């Protein structure tokens, strides 16, 4: 019971941090993250789609695959996916709250998002999305999951750079690097 409660608290706090980092720091400067969140942000910038709803829609094939073939991954990610999606859309008014330069947004957004993702991963939960895809690819091949995530994120940020421009690309890469460092530190420290 304590483990379930710890996971629930990690999902709530992690999702809250993710929503604050995305809305408060990435969106105002059209920065993107990797993964499903990055794709959802690109679609938000160009079509004004709600980021959270788009995340859920884009994750449906991965969630269905997890439900059918990898139930442990499904159960460990569905709450994070749904709660972070709701929080991201619910906290969209934060997009005008922190008027800071792009380099501060990249640093702060990366730190806050990294804390959220790292906290969730530490308690063996996540937001699903490309983390699930990376687990599936890693399990069916000899590739390390970190390399798979790096490749997927790199492809998404590169696609975003083609439409958002060089400045967004550079600072998005910086943000993703910070997210990776913070996530790794939280995941390995006890």
Protein backbone atom coordinates (compact mmCIF):
# COMPACT_ATOMS: atom_id res chain seq x y z
CA UNK A 1 0.00 0.00 0.00
CA UNK A 2 2.86 2.37 0.81
CA UNK A 3 4.50 1.67 -2.56
CA UNK A 4 1.25 2.46 -4.40
CA UNK A 5 0.90 5.70 -2.43
CA UNK A 6 4.53 6.65 -3.17
CA UNK A 7 3.97 6.04 -6.90
CA UNK A 8 0.81 8.13 -6.84
CA UNK A 9 2.56 11.03 -5.09
CA UNK A 10 5.46 10.77 -7.58
CA UNK A 11 3.04 10.86 -10.52
CA UNK A 12 1.16 13.89 -9.14
CA UNK A 13 4.28 15.91 -8.27
CA UNK A 14 6.14 14.81 -11.42
CA UNK A 15 3.20 15.70 -13.66
CA UNK A 16 2.81 19.05 -11.94
CA UNK A 17 6.50 19.86 -12.47
CA UNK A 18 6.27 18.78 -16.10
CA UNK A 19 3.27 21.07 -16.68
CA UNK A 20 5.01 24.04 -15.03
CA UNK A 21 8.23 23.51 -16.99
CA UNK A 22 6.48 23.16 -20.34
CA UNK A 23 3.96 25.98 -19.96
CA UNK A 24 6.08 28.40 -17.96
CA UNK A 25 9.33 28.09 -19.85
CA UNK A 26 9.24 26.09 -23.10
CA UNK A 27 6.05 27.33 -24.77
CA UNK A 28 6.72 31.10 -24.43
CA UNK A 29 9.86 30.73 -26.60
CA UNK A 30 8.62 27.89 -28.84
CA UNK A 31 11.12 25.43 -27.39
CA UNK A 32 10.45 21.72 -27.68
CA UNK A 33 11.24 18.63 -25.71
CA UNK A 34 11.85 15.24 -27.20
CA UNK A 35 9.38 12.44 -27.46
CA UNK A 36 5.62 12.63 -27.66
CA UNK A 37 5.69 15.91 -25.73
CA UNK A 38 7.93 17.41 -28.41
CA UNK A 39 5.63 16.30 -31.21
CA UNK A 40 2.62 17.64 -29.28
CA UNK A 41 4.40 20.98 -28.80
CA UNK A 42 5.22 21.26 -32.50
CA UNK A 43 1.55 20.61 -33.32
CA UNK A 44 0.55 23.19 -30.71
CA UNK A 45 2.83 25.84 -32.23
CA UNK A 46 1.51 25.33 -35.75
CA UNK A 47 -2.11 24.33 -35.29
CA UNK A 48 -2.86 25.58 -31.76
CA UNK A 49 -3.79 22.05 -30.66
CA UNK A 50 -3.98 21.49 -26.91
CA UNK A 51 -0.66 19.94 -25.92
CA UNK A 52 -1.99 17.51 -23.32
CA UNK A 53 -4.84 16.17 -25.44
CA UNK A 54 -2.45 15.77 -28.37
CA UNK A 55 -0.05 13.79 -26.14
CA UNK A 56 -2.81 11.34 -25.26
CA UNK A 57 -3.93 10.94 -28.88
CA UNK A 58 -0.36 10.39 -30.11
CA UNK A 59 0.25 7.85 -27.33
CA UNK A 60 -2.79 5.67 -28.12
CA UNK A 61 -0.91 3.18 -30.37
CA UNK A 62 1.86 2.75 -27.79
CA UNK A 63 -0.60 2.41 -24.91
CA UNK A 64 -2.63 -0.20 -26.84
CA UNK A 65 0.54 -2.15 -27.63
CA UNK A 66 1.56 -1.99 -23.97
CA UNK A 67 -1.92 -3.15 -22.91
CA UNK A 68 -1.77 -6.13 -25.27
CA UNK A 69 1.87 -7.20 -24.90
CA UNK A 70 3.55 -5.45 -21.97
CA UNK A 71 1.02 -4.97 -19.17
CA UNK A 72 3.62 -3.92 -16.59
CA UNK A 73 4.65 -1.00 -18.82
CA UNK A 74 1.02 -0.10 -19.36
CA UNK A 75 0.21 0.06 -15.66
CA UNK A 76 3.37 1.99 -14.83
CA UNK A 77 2.76 4.70 -17.43
CA UNK A 78 -0.97 5.24 -17.99
CA UNK A 79 -1.48 7.31 -14.83
CA UNK A 80 1.51 9.51 -15.65
CA UNK A 81 0.34 10.00 -19.22
CA UNK A 82 -3.20 10.96 -18.27
CA UNK A 83 -2.33 13.15 -15.28
CA UNK A 84 0.52 15.00 -17.00
CA UNK A 85 -1.70 15.62 -20.04
CA UNK A 86 -4.45 17.09 -17.87
CA UNK A 87 -1.96 19.24 -15.92
CA UNK A 88 -0.26 20.49 -19.10
CA UNK A 89 -3.56 21.72 -20.51
CA UNK A 90 -4.83 22.96 -17.14
CA UNK A 91 -1.68 24.99 -16.45
CA UNK A 92 -1.59 26.66 -19.90
CA UNK A 93 -2.19 30.12 -18.32
CA UNK A 94 1.41 29.92 -17.02
CA UNK A 95 2.59 30.68 -20.55
CA UNK A 96 2.53 34.41 -19.78
CA UNK A 97 3.66 34.35 -16.14
CA UNK A 98 7.47 34.10 -16.42
CA UNK A 99 8.76 36.74 -18.88
CA UNK A 100 12.39 35.61 -18.92
CA UNK A 101 14.96 35.45 -21.75
CA UNK A 102 15.15 32.31 -23.86
CA UNK A 103 18.37 31.04 -22.24
CA UNK A 104 16.82 31.29 -18.76
CA UNK A 105 13.72 29.52 -20.06
CA UNK A 106 15.87 26.72 -21.50
CA UNK A 107 17.69 26.25 -18.18
CA UNK A 108 14.67 26.58 -15.88
CA UNK A 109 12.39 24.52 -18.12
CA UNK A 110 15.03 21.79 -18.41
CA UNK A 111 15.58 21.66 -14.65
CA UNK A 112 11.89 21.60 -13.74
CA UNK A 113 10.95 19.04 -16.41
CA UNK A 114 14.00 16.93 -15.51
CA UNK A 115 12.93 16.93 -11.85
CA UNK A 116 9.43 15.81 -12.82
CA UNK A 117 10.53 13.04 -15.16
CA UNK A 118 13.32 11.93 -12.83
CA UNK A 119 10.93 11.71 -9.89
CA UNK A 120 8.50 9.59 -11.87
CA UNK A 121 11.22 7.28 -13.19
CA UNK A 122 12.65 6.89 -9.69
CA UNK A 123 9.33 5.43 -8.59
CA UNK A 124 9.08 3.26 -11.72
CA UNK A 125 6.39 5.28 -13.46
CA UNK A 126 6.47 7.65 -16.44
CA UNK A 127 4.39 9.63 -18.90
CA UNK A 128 4.47 6.78 -21.41
CA UNK A 129 4.98 8.06 -24.95
CA UNK A 130 8.35 7.48 -26.52
CA UNK A 131 9.70 6.07 -23.25
CA UNK A 132 7.41 3.11 -23.91
CA UNK A 133 8.51 2.94 -27.56
CA UNK A 134 12.16 3.04 -26.48
CA UNK A 135 11.55 0.20 -23.98
CA UNK A 136 9.89 -1.91 -26.66
CA UNK A 137 12.71 -1.29 -29.17
CA UNK A 138 15.38 -1.88 -26.53
CA UNK A 139 13.76 -5.14 -25.39
CA UNK A 140 13.53 -6.47 -28.95
CA UNK A 141 17.04 -5.42 -30.00
CA UNK A 142 20.50 -5.07 -28.53
CA UNK A 143 20.26 -1.27 -28.32
CA UNK A 144 20.56 0.46 -24.95
CA UNK A 145 17.35 2.30 -23.98
CA UNK A 146 19.24 5.58 -23.49
CA UNK A 147 20.56 5.39 -27.06
CA UNK A 148 17.07 4.68 -28.40
CA UNK A 149 15.62 7.67 -26.49
CA UNK A 150 18.48 9.87 -27.73
CA UNK A 151 17.83 8.84 -31.35
CA UNK A 152 14.06 9.41 -31.08
CA UNK A 153 14.50 12.78 -29.34
CA UNK A 154 17.13 13.82 -31.86
CA UNK A 155 14.81 13.07 -34.76
CA UNK A 156 11.95 15.01 -33.17
CA UNK A 157 14.06 18.06 -32.33
CA UNK A 158 15.58 18.02 -35.81
CA UNK A 159 12.10 17.91 -37.35
CA UNK A 160 11.09 20.80 -35.09
CA UNK A 161 14.14 22.81 -36.09
CA UNK A 162 13.16 22.59 -39.74
CA UNK A 163 9.95 24.43 -38.93
CA UNK A 164 10.79 26.48 -35.83
CA UNK A 165 14.22 27.76 -36.77
CA UNK A 166 17.83 27.63 -35.61
CA UNK A 167 17.40 29.47 -32.30
CA UNK A 168 14.64 27.12 -31.19
CA UNK A 169 16.75 24.14 -32.22
CA UNK A 170 19.83 25.24 -30.26
CA UNK A 171 17.95 26.10 -27.08
CA UNK A 172 15.73 23.01 -27.35
CA UNK A 173 18.87 20.84 -27.55
CA UNK A 174 20.21 22.65 -24.47
CA UNK A 175 16.90 22.04 -22.65
CA UNK A 176 16.91 18.33 -23.54
CA UNK A 177 20.51 18.02 -22.34
CA UNK A 178 19.57 19.55 -18.97
CA UNK A 179 16.49 17.31 -18.70
CA UNK A 180 18.68 14.28 -19.35
CA UNK A 181 21.25 15.26 -16.74
CA UNK A 182 18.69 16.04 -14.03
CA UNK A 183 16.71 12.88 -14.83
CA UNK A 184 19.84 10.71 -14.65
CA UNK A 185 20.95 12.22 -11.34
CA UNK A 186 17.52 11.68 -9.75
CA UNK A 187 17.15 8.18 -11.12
CA UNK A 188 20.52 6.92 -9.83
CA UNK A 189 20.75 8.75 -6.48
CA UNK A 190 19.27 7.14 -3.39
